[in-house]
Amino acid sequence: MPLAWCYLAAFLAGIVAAAASQAQTVLPPDPSKTIGGRVSFEGFVDENGRDVAALTAASNGEPKHAWIVSPIYTRCPFTCSPITAALKTALRESALAPSDYGVVSLSFDPRETGESLRAFRETLQLPTGWLTVRAATAEALERTLASMDFRTMAIGEGQYAHPNLLVVLTPEMRLNEYIFGVTFPPEQLAAAVRAARSGGASSYRWYGYVVVFSAVGLLLSAFVFFTLLLKRRANSPPCSPSLGKRGGRQADG
C-alpha cells in the first residue's frame, strides 16, 4: 500500500472514531442557548501568571467597554494565527476607539503555557493591552468554554478541530454576539462592539447559515492538517498494522 494511502487510512480512522464518540463536538455554538449568559474568567491567568478576572474587572470611574474574545490555541497550524491577525487589522480599520473594547485571546488548549502565550504575542506583535490567557485549572476551562458553547475535538498530533469565530461580550461580561469566520469586516466588528456596549440586540438569526459555513471550514481544516501530516512524515518507515491504532488513540478526547 502506498505510504500516502496508509496515512490517509489512519487519519480517517481516527476522525471517524472521534466523531462517533463526540458527534456534536465541533458544531458551532448555538446562540439561542448562550446569548445573555455570563462568561467568567475566574481561574484564568495571562502569560505572566496574573489573574485575568481581576484584569478584566472595571474599576469605578473607568469607561465601560465591550470585550472581544478570540478562542485560539498557539500550536494551531492553520487558522488561529490568521484569525488573530485579521482581528488586529479589522480593529485598526474600524472607527472604534481603543477605549471602546478590550481583547482576549483565550487558549482552549489545556497544555498551553505562559511561555507559549508570550511567543504567540511576540510573533503576532499584539498590542500591550491585548490579553493572552490560559486556564489554570481544567474546571475553569470547561466552565468558560461551556458558557460560550464552544466545542473542540482532538484530531491527533496535538491538534484540534474547532469553530472559527469571535465572541463579543457586554461590559458586564454577558455574551451578546458571535462573529463567525476567519476575516472580519471592520464595519461588522464595530457594529457588534457598539451593540454590546449599549445592550443592543445581537444578530444570531443567521445561525442556520453559520452551521453550513462552519462545516465547510472544518473540512478545510482537516484537509490542511492531513497535508501537513504527510509532509512531516514523508521520510517515515512504511506503514505497520499498529499505525491505525495509534491514530485512533490520538483522535480520542
Protein backbone atom coordinates (compact mmCIF):
# COMPACT_ATOMS: atom_id res chain seq x y z
CA MET A 1 0.00 0.00 0.00
CA PRO A 2 1.46 3.45 -0.91
CA LEU A 3 2.61 5.41 2.10
CA ALA A 4 0.20 8.30 1.39
CA TRP A 5 -2.80 5.95 1.34
CA CYS A 6 -1.58 4.32 4.52
CA TYR A 7 -1.53 7.64 6.40
CA LEU A 8 -4.85 8.66 4.88
CA ALA A 9 -6.47 5.47 6.18
CA ALA A 10 -5.02 6.01 9.66
CA PHE A 11 -6.09 9.66 9.70
CA LEU A 12 -9.65 8.92 8.58
CA ALA A 13 -9.93 6.08 11.08
CA GLY A 14 -9.03 8.49 13.87
CA ILE A 15 -11.52 11.09 12.67
CA VAL A 16 -14.34 8.53 12.38
CA ALA A 17 -13.63 7.09 15.82
CA ALA A 18 -13.61 10.53 17.42
CA ALA A 19 -16.71 11.64 15.56
CA ALA A 20 -18.62 8.56 16.65
CA SER A 21 -17.94 9.29 20.31
CA GLN A 22 -18.28 13.07 20.08
CA ALA A 23 -20.91 13.55 17.40
CA GLN A 24 -21.66 17.19 18.21
CA THR A 25 -18.22 18.27 19.44
CA VAL A 26 -17.25 20.52 16.55
CA LEU A 27 -20.61 22.06 15.76
CA PRO A 28 -20.61 25.86 16.02
CA PRO A 29 -22.15 27.41 19.13
CA ASP A 30 -25.91 27.77 19.34
CA PRO A 31 -26.53 31.45 20.22
CA SER A 32 -30.08 30.72 21.36
CA LYS A 33 -28.53 28.86 24.32
CA THR A 34 -25.87 31.41 25.25
CA ILE A 35 -26.91 34.97 24.38
CA GLY A 36 -27.28 36.93 27.58
CA GLY A 37 -25.38 34.40 29.68
CA ARG A 38 -22.37 35.43 31.74
CA VAL A 39 -18.85 34.42 30.68
CA SER A 40 -16.42 34.18 33.59
CA PHE A 41 -12.62 34.39 33.53
CA GLU A 42 -12.27 33.09 37.06
CA GLY A 43 -9.43 30.59 37.14
CA PHE A 44 -7.66 32.06 34.08
CA VAL A 45 -4.20 33.66 34.05
CA ASP A 46 -2.32 35.67 31.45
CA GLU A 47 1.13 34.83 30.09
CA ASN A 48 2.71 36.37 33.19
CA GLY A 49 0.51 34.48 35.64
CA ARG A 50 -1.74 37.44 36.52
CA ASP A 51 -5.38 36.83 37.43
CA VAL A 52 -7.49 37.55 34.33
CA ALA A 53 -10.71 38.08 36.29
CA ALA A 54 -9.02 40.97 38.10
CA LEU A 55 -7.57 42.37 34.87
CA THR A 56 -10.98 42.43 33.17
CA ALA A 57 -12.90 43.88 36.11
CA ALA A 58 -13.79 47.53 35.52
CA SER A 59 -12.91 49.94 38.29
CA ASN A 60 -15.24 52.72 39.38
CA GLY A 61 -14.86 55.73 37.14
CA GLU A 62 -13.31 53.80 34.24
CA PRO A 63 -15.15 53.87 30.90
CA LYS A 64 -17.04 50.65 30.31
CA HIS A 65 -16.10 48.81 27.15
CA ALA A 66 -17.08 45.64 25.35
CA TRP A 67 -14.85 42.57 25.32
CA ILE A 68 -13.85 40.67 22.18
CA VAL A 69 -12.90 37.08 22.98
CA SER A 70 -10.95 35.14 20.37
CA PRO A 71 -10.74 31.40 21.19
CA ILE A 72 -7.40 30.07 19.90
CA TYR A 73 -4.52 27.77 20.72
CA THR A 74 -0.95 28.73 19.98
CA ARG A 75 0.12 25.45 18.30
CA CYS A 76 -2.68 25.75 15.73
CA PRO A 77 -1.13 25.14 12.27
CA PHE A 78 -3.81 26.85 10.24
CA THR A 79 -6.50 29.31 11.33
CA CYS A 80 -5.70 30.71 14.79
CA SER A 81 -2.83 32.99 13.79
CA PRO A 82 -4.65 34.30 10.67
CA ILE A 83 -7.78 34.95 12.76
CA THR A 84 -5.72 36.93 15.26
CA ALA A 85 -4.02 38.93 12.50
CA ALA A 86 -7.38 39.56 10.82
CA LEU A 87 -8.82 40.83 14.12
CA LYS A 88 -5.89 43.23 14.52
CA THR A 89 -6.47 44.56 11.01
CA ALA A 90 -10.24 44.91 11.45
CA LEU A 91 -9.84 46.84 14.70
CA ARG A 92 -7.25 49.12 13.14
CA GLU A 93 -9.50 49.85 10.16
CA SER A 94 -12.68 50.27 12.18
CA ALA A 95 -13.86 53.57 13.57
CA LEU A 96 -13.61 52.20 17.11
CA ALA A 97 -11.54 53.92 19.76
CA PRO A 98 -9.25 51.77 21.96
CA SER A 99 -11.42 52.72 24.92
CA ASP A 100 -14.44 51.05 23.24
CA TYR A 101 -13.18 47.49 23.63
CA GLY A 102 -10.78 45.03 25.24
CA VAL A 103 -9.42 41.93 23.50
CA VAL A 104 -8.79 38.49 24.98
CA SER A 105 -7.05 35.72 23.02
CA LEU A 106 -8.27 32.75 25.07
CA SER A 107 -6.49 29.44 24.62
CA PHE A 108 -8.68 26.35 24.81
CA ASP A 109 -5.62 24.06 24.92
CA PRO A 110 -5.21 22.60 28.43
CA ARG A 111 -1.48 22.23 27.73
CA GLU A 112 -0.97 25.92 26.99
CA THR A 113 1.84 27.62 28.93
CA GLY A 114 2.85 31.16 29.76
CA GLU A 115 5.89 30.75 27.53
CA SER A 116 3.83 29.70 24.51
CA LEU A 117 1.46 32.62 25.04
CA ARG A 118 4.38 35.05 25.21
CA ALA A 119 5.78 33.61 21.97
CA PHE A 120 2.34 33.97 20.33
CA ARG A 121 2.16 37.60 21.41
CA GLU A 122 5.65 38.33 20.09
CA THR A 123 5.12 36.57 16.77
CA LEU A 124 1.86 38.40 16.06
CA GLN A 125 3.05 41.68 17.62
CA LEU A 126 -0.03 42.07 19.74
CA PRO A 127 -0.68 45.41 21.47
CA THR A 128 0.21 45.71 25.14
CA GLY A 129 -3.41 45.84 26.28
CA TRP A 130 -4.37 42.72 24.32
CA LEU A 131 -4.68 39.83 26.80
CA THR A 132 -3.41 36.33 26.00
CA VAL A 133 -4.79 33.89 28.57
CA ARG A 134 -4.98 30.24 29.56
CA ALA A 135 -6.93 28.27 32.14
CA ALA A 136 -5.12 27.49 35.38
CA THR A 137 -7.43 24.52 36.02
CA ALA A 138 -9.38 22.05 33.92
CA GLU A 139 -12.57 23.06 35.73
CA ALA A 140 -12.14 26.73 34.78
CA LEU A 141 -11.55 25.84 31.13
CA GLU A 142 -14.59 23.56 30.94
CA ARG A 143 -16.85 26.15 32.62
CA THR A 144 -15.84 29.06 30.39
CA LEU A 145 -15.96 27.10 27.13
CA ALA A 146 -19.39 25.76 28.11
CA SER A 147 -20.66 29.28 28.79
CA MET A 148 -19.75 30.16 25.17
CA ASP A 149 -20.96 26.76 23.86
CA PHE A 150 -17.50 26.44 22.27
CA ARG A 151 -16.66 22.83 21.48
CA THR A 152 -13.49 21.27 20.08
CA MET A 153 -12.30 17.82 19.01
CA ALA A 154 -8.77 16.43 19.35
CA ILE A 155 -7.64 15.11 15.95
CA GLY A 156 -4.19 13.81 16.82
CA GLU A 157 -0.67 15.24 16.76
CA GLY A 158 -1.71 17.68 19.48
CA GLN A 159 -4.13 19.47 17.13
CA TYR A 160 -7.83 20.36 17.42
CA ALA A 161 -10.77 20.83 15.09
CA HIS A 162 -12.67 23.91 16.27
CA PRO A 163 -15.10 26.61 15.14
CA ASN A 164 -13.56 29.84 13.83
CA LEU A 165 -15.21 32.81 15.50
CA LEU A 166 -15.13 35.77 17.86
CA VAL A 167 -17.32 36.22 20.93
CA VAL A 168 -18.43 39.75 21.85
CA LEU A 169 -19.29 40.41 25.49
CA THR A 170 -21.01 43.33 27.17
CA PRO A 171 -19.14 45.35 29.85
CA GLU A 172 -20.93 43.12 32.38
CA MET A 173 -19.34 40.04 30.74
CA ARG A 174 -22.59 38.78 29.20
CA LEU A 175 -22.45 37.18 25.78
CA ASN A 176 -24.04 39.47 23.22
CA GLU A 177 -22.94 38.22 19.80
CA TYR A 178 -20.83 35.81 17.77
CA ILE A 179 -18.92 36.81 14.66
CA PHE A 180 -18.13 33.73 12.57
CA GLY A 181 -15.30 33.34 10.09
CA VAL A 182 -11.57 33.90 9.68
CA THR A 183 -11.80 37.51 8.47
CA PHE A 184 -13.91 40.29 9.93
CA PRO A 185 -15.29 43.31 8.06
CA PRO A 186 -14.38 46.38 10.15
CA GLU A 187 -17.92 47.75 9.98
CA GLN A 188 -19.41 44.46 11.23
CA LEU A 189 -16.96 44.30 14.11
CA ALA A 190 -17.62 47.94 15.04
CA ALA A 191 -21.39 47.38 14.99
CA ALA A 192 -21.06 44.32 17.24
CA VAL A 193 -18.90 46.22 19.75
CA ARG A 194 -21.28 49.18 19.84
CA ALA A 195 -24.28 46.88 20.27
CA ALA A 196 -22.57 45.14 23.19
CA ARG A 197 -21.72 48.43 24.87
CA SER A 198 -25.26 49.70 24.55
CA GLY A 199 -27.03 46.41 25.28
CA GLY A 200 -28.42 46.21 21.75
CA ALA A 201 -29.72 43.05 20.10
CA SER A 202 -27.34 40.53 18.57
CA SER A 203 -27.59 39.11 15.05
CA TYR A 204 -27.86 35.38 15.82
CA ARG A 205 -30.78 34.97 13.41
CA TRP A 206 -28.15 33.86 10.85
CA TYR A 207 -27.30 30.72 12.82
CA GLY A 208 -28.62 28.26 10.22
CA TYR A 209 -26.27 29.65 7.59
CA VAL A 210 -23.40 29.63 10.05
CA VAL A 211 -23.72 25.86 10.59
CA VAL A 212 -23.13 25.23 6.88
CA PHE A 213 -20.25 27.73 6.71
CA SER A 214 -18.57 26.23 9.77
CA ALA A 215 -18.88 22.69 8.43
CA VAL A 216 -17.04 23.73 5.28
CA GLY A 217 -14.37 25.39 7.40
CA LEU A 218 -13.89 22.25 9.50
CA LEU A 219 -13.46 20.11 6.39
CA LEU A 220 -10.85 22.55 5.10
CA SER A 221 -9.02 22.44 8.45
CA ALA A 222 -8.99 18.62 8.34
CA PHE A 223 -7.59 18.66 4.80
CA VAL A 224 -4.81 21.07 5.76
CA PHE A 225 -3.97 19.00 8.84
CA PHE A 226 -3.67 15.84 6.75
CA THR A 227 -1.45 17.63 4.22
CA LEU A 228 0.86 18.82 7.00
CA LEU A 229 0.90 15.32 8.49
CA LEU A 230 2.03 13.80 5.19
CA LYS A 231 4.79 16.38 4.78
CA ARG A 232 6.03 15.82 8.32
CA ARG A 233 6.10 12.03 7.91
CA ALA A 234 7.35 11.85 4.33
CA ASN A 235 10.55 10.10 5.41
CA SER A 236 8.94 7.78 7.99
CA PRO A 237 9.14 3.94 7.68
CA PRO A 238 6.36 2.12 5.80
CA CYS A 239 3.01 1.71 7.45
CA SER A 240 2.68 -1.01 10.06
CA PRO A 241 -0.54 -2.61 11.35
CA SER A 242 -0.24 -0.64 14.60
CA LEU A 243 -0.42 2.73 12.85
CA GLY A 244 -4.22 2.79 12.68
CA LYS A 245 -4.44 2.08 16.41
CA ARG A 246 -2.12 4.95 17.25
CA GLY A 247 -4.12 7.31 15.07
CA GLY A 248 -7.37 6.20 16.74
CA ARG A 249 -5.99 6.88 20.24
CA GLN A 250 -4.68 10.31 19.26
CA ALA A 251 -8.09 11.32 17.99
CA ASP A 252 -9.85 10.40 21.20
CA GLY A 253 -10.53 13.12 23.74
